[in-house]
N, C-alpha and C. Protein backbone atom coordinates (compact mmCIF):
# COMPACT_ATOMS: atom_id res chain seq x y z
N MET A 1 10.23 7.88 2.18
CA MET A 1 9.01 8.43 2.49
C MET A 1 8.03 7.19 2.69
N ALA A 2 8.11 6.36 1.70
CA ALA A 2 7.27 5.18 2.06
C ALA A 2 7.32 4.51 3.27
N ASP A 3 8.57 4.12 3.52
CA ASP A 3 8.73 3.56 5.21
C ASP A 3 8.33 4.21 6.49
N CYS A 4 8.41 5.61 6.32
CA CYS A 4 7.62 6.56 7.42
C CYS A 4 5.93 6.56 7.30
N ILE A 5 5.47 6.58 5.92
CA ILE A 5 4.20 6.66 6.00
C ILE A 5 3.47 5.17 6.34
N LEU A 6 4.04 4.04 5.88
CA LEU A 6 3.56 2.90 6.32
C LEU A 6 3.77 2.64 7.70
N LYS A 7 5.01 2.91 8.50
CA LYS A 7 4.77 2.97 9.70
C LYS A 7 3.39 3.80 10.61
N GLN A 8 3.28 4.71 10.05
CA GLN A 8 2.23 5.76 10.68
C GLN A 8 0.71 5.38 10.05
N LEU A 9 0.71 4.53 9.24
CA LEU A 9 -0.64 4.43 8.26
C LEU A 9 -1.96 4.21 9.06
N HIS A 10 -1.83 3.72 10.39
CA HIS A 10 -3.04 3.66 11.05
C HIS A 10 -3.49 4.99 11.61
N ILE A 11 -2.66 6.17 11.58
CA ILE A 11 -2.92 7.55 11.93
C ILE A 11 -3.45 8.02 10.54
N TYR A 12 -2.98 7.80 9.60
CA TYR A 12 -3.40 8.33 8.40
C TYR A 12 -5.12 8.05 7.98
N LEU A 13 -5.12 6.75 8.21
CA LEU A 13 -6.43 5.86 7.87
C LEU A 13 -7.59 6.73 8.85
N LYS A 14 -7.18 6.61 10.00
CA LYS A 14 -7.99 7.28 10.99
C LYS A 14 -8.65 8.80 10.55
N ARG A 15 -7.39 9.52 10.23
CA ARG A 15 -7.60 10.74 9.73
C ARG A 15 -8.59 11.04 8.50
N ALA A 16 -8.01 9.90 7.52
CA ALA A 16 -8.71 9.97 6.22
C ALA A 16 -10.50 9.68 6.76
N LEU A 17 -10.55 8.78 7.46
CA LEU A 17 -11.90 8.35 7.81
C LEU A 17 -12.71 9.57 8.49
N GLU A 18 -12.05 10.00 8.95
CA GLU A 18 -12.57 11.23 9.83
C GLU A 18 -12.98 12.40 8.93
N TYR A 19 -12.18 12.62 7.80
CA TYR A 19 -12.45 13.73 6.73
C TYR A 19 -13.85 13.09 6.02
N LEU A 20 -13.68 11.76 5.77
CA LEU A 20 -14.84 11.09 4.89
C LEU A 20 -16.17 11.57 5.71
N LYS A 21 -16.34 11.11 6.95
CA LYS A 21 -17.43 11.21 7.67
C LYS A 21 -17.80 12.94 7.79
N GLN A 22 -16.79 13.66 7.89
CA GLN A 22 -17.22 15.27 7.85
C GLN A 22 -17.70 15.58 6.69
N PHE A 23 -17.08 15.35 5.43
CA PHE A 23 -17.69 15.68 3.91
C PHE A 23 -18.96 14.82 3.60
N ILE A 24 -19.17 13.85 4.09
CA ILE A 24 -20.37 12.71 3.72
C ILE A 24 -20.82 12.31 4.80
N PRO A 25 -21.57 12.82 5.83
CA PRO A 25 -22.04 12.23 7.01
C PRO A 25 -23.07 11.50 7.14
N ALA A 26 -23.86 11.49 5.77
CA ALA A 26 -24.73 10.32 5.58
C ALA A 26 -24.23 8.92 5.57
N GLN A 27 -22.87 8.98 5.04
CA GLN A 27 -22.79 7.52 4.77
C GLN A 27 -21.77 6.98 6.36
N LYS A 28 -22.14 5.73 6.36
CA LYS A 28 -21.35 4.91 7.81
C LYS A 28 -20.05 4.91 7.50
N SER A 29 -19.30 5.18 8.62
CA SER A 29 -17.88 5.41 8.39
C SER A 29 -17.28 3.74 8.51
N GLY A 30 -18.00 2.74 9.23
CA GLY A 30 -17.34 1.44 9.14
C GLY A 30 -17.49 0.59 7.70
N ALA A 31 -18.29 1.26 6.73
CA ALA A 31 -18.54 0.72 5.53
C ALA A 31 -17.57 0.62 4.38
N TYR A 32 -16.37 1.69 4.76
CA TYR A 32 -15.81 1.81 3.71
C TYR A 32 -14.46 0.84 3.89
N TYR A 33 -14.05 0.42 2.45
CA TYR A 33 -13.07 -0.29 2.24
C TYR A 33 -11.73 0.36 1.80
N LEU A 34 -10.56 -0.02 2.22
CA LEU A 34 -9.59 0.54 1.87
C LEU A 34 -9.06 -0.05 0.37
N ALA A 35 -8.85 0.62 -0.61
CA ALA A 35 -8.70 0.02 -1.82
C ALA A 35 -7.41 -0.14 -2.27
N THR A 36 -6.93 1.35 -2.33
CA THR A 36 -5.28 1.63 -2.65
C THR A 36 -4.67 2.61 -1.76
N VAL A 37 -3.51 2.28 -1.41
CA VAL A 37 -2.50 3.43 -1.03
C VAL A 37 -1.24 3.72 -2.12
N THR A 38 -1.46 5.08 -2.68
CA THR A 38 -0.44 5.40 -3.59
C THR A 38 0.47 6.41 -3.07
N LEU A 39 1.68 6.31 -3.47
CA LEU A 39 2.76 6.73 -3.23
C LEU A 39 3.62 7.54 -4.19
N GLY A 40 3.81 8.74 -4.11
CA GLY A 40 4.47 9.68 -5.35
C GLY A 40 4.20 11.01 -5.42
N ARG A 41 4.34 11.13 -6.86
CA ARG A 41 3.86 12.90 -6.93
C ARG A 41 2.55 13.20 -7.15
N LEU A 42 1.87 14.13 -6.56
CA LEU A 42 0.74 14.49 -6.88
C LEU A 42 0.65 15.86 -7.38
N LEU A 43 -0.35 16.04 -8.52
CA LEU A 43 -0.33 17.19 -9.36
C LEU A 43 -1.83 17.92 -8.59
N ASN A 44 -1.49 18.99 -7.72
CA ASN A 44 -2.25 19.76 -7.04
C ASN A 44 -3.41 20.42 -8.16
N PHE A 45 -4.64 21.14 -7.74
CA PHE A 45 -5.60 21.94 -8.31
C PHE A 45 -5.01 23.28 -9.04
N ASP A 46 -3.68 23.57 -8.57
CA ASP A 46 -3.07 24.74 -8.93
C ASP A 46 -1.99 24.58 -9.58
N SER A 47 -1.92 23.24 -9.86
CA SER A 47 -0.59 22.90 -11.24
C SER A 47 0.67 22.66 -10.46
N ASN A 48 0.59 22.36 -9.05
CA ASN A 48 1.73 22.31 -8.38
C ASN A 48 2.10 20.56 -8.24
N ILE A 49 3.23 20.25 -8.17
CA ILE A 49 3.56 18.97 -8.23
C ILE A 49 4.04 18.77 -6.74
N LEU A 50 3.32 18.03 -6.07
CA LEU A 50 3.83 17.80 -4.63
C LEU A 50 4.39 16.27 -4.22
N ALA A 51 5.29 15.87 -3.73
CA ALA A 51 5.29 14.85 -2.93
C ALA A 51 4.32 13.87 -1.95
N GLY A 52 3.77 12.88 -1.86
CA GLY A 52 3.00 12.67 -1.32
C GLY A 52 2.16 11.41 -1.24
N PHE A 53 0.84 11.01 -0.70
CA PHE A 53 0.48 9.82 -1.02
C PHE A 53 -1.03 10.08 -0.88
N THR A 54 -1.81 9.09 -1.28
CA THR A 54 -3.13 9.18 -1.70
C THR A 54 -3.79 7.64 -0.45
N LEU A 55 -4.73 7.83 -0.20
CA LEU A 55 -5.63 6.51 0.39
C LEU A 55 -6.93 6.69 -0.35
N ALA A 56 -6.92 5.71 -1.13
CA ALA A 56 -8.32 5.17 -1.72
C ALA A 56 -9.47 4.39 -0.99
N PHE A 57 -10.49 4.64 -0.78
CA PHE A 57 -11.64 3.92 -0.24
C PHE A 57 -12.93 3.57 -1.29
N VAL A 58 -13.20 2.53 -1.09
CA VAL A 58 -14.63 2.06 -1.63
C VAL A 58 -15.72 2.09 -0.93
N TYR A 59 -16.90 2.42 -1.27
CA TYR A 59 -17.98 2.63 -0.39
C TYR A 59 -19.15 2.28 -1.27
N GLY A 60 -19.88 1.14 -0.91
CA GLY A 60 -20.87 0.36 -1.41
C GLY A 60 -20.67 -0.69 -2.37
N ASP A 61 -21.47 -1.23 -2.91
CA ASP A 61 -21.22 -2.48 -4.02
C ASP A 61 -21.61 -2.17 -5.36
N TYR A 62 -20.81 -2.90 -6.53
CA TYR A 62 -21.42 -2.44 -7.67
C TYR A 62 -22.66 -2.90 -8.06
N PRO A 63 -23.40 -2.01 -8.61
CA PRO A 63 -23.10 -1.07 -9.54
C PRO A 63 -23.17 0.20 -8.84
N ASN A 64 -23.54 -0.12 -7.86
CA ASN A 64 -23.67 1.66 -6.69
C ASN A 64 -22.38 1.82 -5.96
N ALA A 65 -21.36 1.55 -6.51
CA ALA A 65 -19.98 1.58 -5.44
C ALA A 65 -19.46 3.09 -5.88
N PHE A 66 -18.70 3.81 -4.64
CA PHE A 66 -18.22 5.12 -5.23
C PHE A 66 -16.55 4.92 -4.85
N GLN A 67 -16.03 5.64 -4.94
CA GLN A 67 -14.47 5.68 -4.69
C GLN A 67 -14.25 7.08 -4.14
N TYR A 68 -13.52 7.26 -2.91
CA TYR A 68 -13.16 8.55 -2.61
C TYR A 68 -11.66 8.41 -2.02
N LYS A 69 -11.02 9.37 -2.51
CA LYS A 69 -9.50 9.60 -2.07
C LYS A 69 -9.41 10.61 -1.21
N VAL A 70 -8.47 10.50 -0.41
CA VAL A 70 -7.93 11.53 0.26
C VAL A 70 -6.28 11.73 0.28
N LYS A 71 -5.91 12.76 0.05
CA LYS A 71 -4.57 13.12 -0.50
C LYS A 71 -4.01 13.80 0.40
N PHE A 72 -2.67 13.19 0.78
CA PHE A 72 -1.88 13.85 1.77
C PHE A 72 -0.35 14.17 1.09
N ASN A 73 0.13 15.22 1.72
CA ASN A 73 1.76 15.75 1.18
C ASN A 73 2.39 14.58 2.19
N LYS A 74 4.09 14.54 1.66
CA LYS A 74 4.76 13.90 2.25
C LYS A 74 4.96 13.73 3.64
N THR A 75 4.41 15.11 4.38
CA THR A 75 4.36 15.18 5.90
C THR A 75 3.21 14.76 6.49
N GLY A 76 2.29 14.34 5.83
CA GLY A 76 0.97 13.58 6.28
C GLY A 76 -0.07 14.76 6.58
N TRP A 77 0.24 16.09 6.07
CA TRP A 77 -1.01 17.03 6.10
C TRP A 77 -1.79 16.83 4.67
N PRO A 78 -3.15 16.80 4.99
CA PRO A 78 -4.19 16.45 3.94
C PRO A 78 -4.10 17.77 3.12
N ILE A 79 -4.15 17.44 1.82
CA ILE A 79 -4.32 18.43 0.75
C ILE A 79 -5.44 18.39 -0.28
N GLY A 80 -6.05 17.30 -0.43
CA GLY A 80 -7.12 17.36 -1.26
C GLY A 80 -8.01 16.08 -0.78
N PHE A 81 -8.99 15.99 -1.86
CA PHE A 81 -10.14 15.01 -1.41
C PHE A 81 -10.86 14.83 -2.88
N GLU A 82 -11.24 13.64 -3.40
CA GLU A 82 -12.20 13.66 -4.63
C GLU A 82 -12.92 12.13 -4.58
N GLY A 83 -14.18 12.44 -4.90
CA GLY A 83 -14.93 11.15 -4.85
C GLY A 83 -15.58 11.04 -6.29
N GLY A 84 -16.23 9.84 -6.33
CA GLY A 84 -17.06 9.44 -7.59
C GLY A 84 -17.13 8.26 -7.77
N PRO A 85 -18.16 7.98 -8.76
CA PRO A 85 -18.52 6.57 -8.90
C PRO A 85 -17.53 5.64 -9.56
N LEU A 86 -17.45 4.70 -9.39
CA LEU A 86 -16.43 3.72 -9.70
C LEU A 86 -16.60 3.26 -11.23
């Protein structure tokens, strides 16, 4: 799974940034920094465990920095989003 995801990482990064722009239109899309790429099993809101990955971005500078995560299943379909202060 990791090899396939990393080969197409540029596609997922673009998709994730588009989702962030859609959900938080006031923030500049060029101001996000990719913080982490996490591969593994994700616990969904309805308690399902899914294989997938998360792209976590940081926006802003400390102490006003926020972290936003876009979650994808193993096929690259977006399955979740979360955000909050660091």
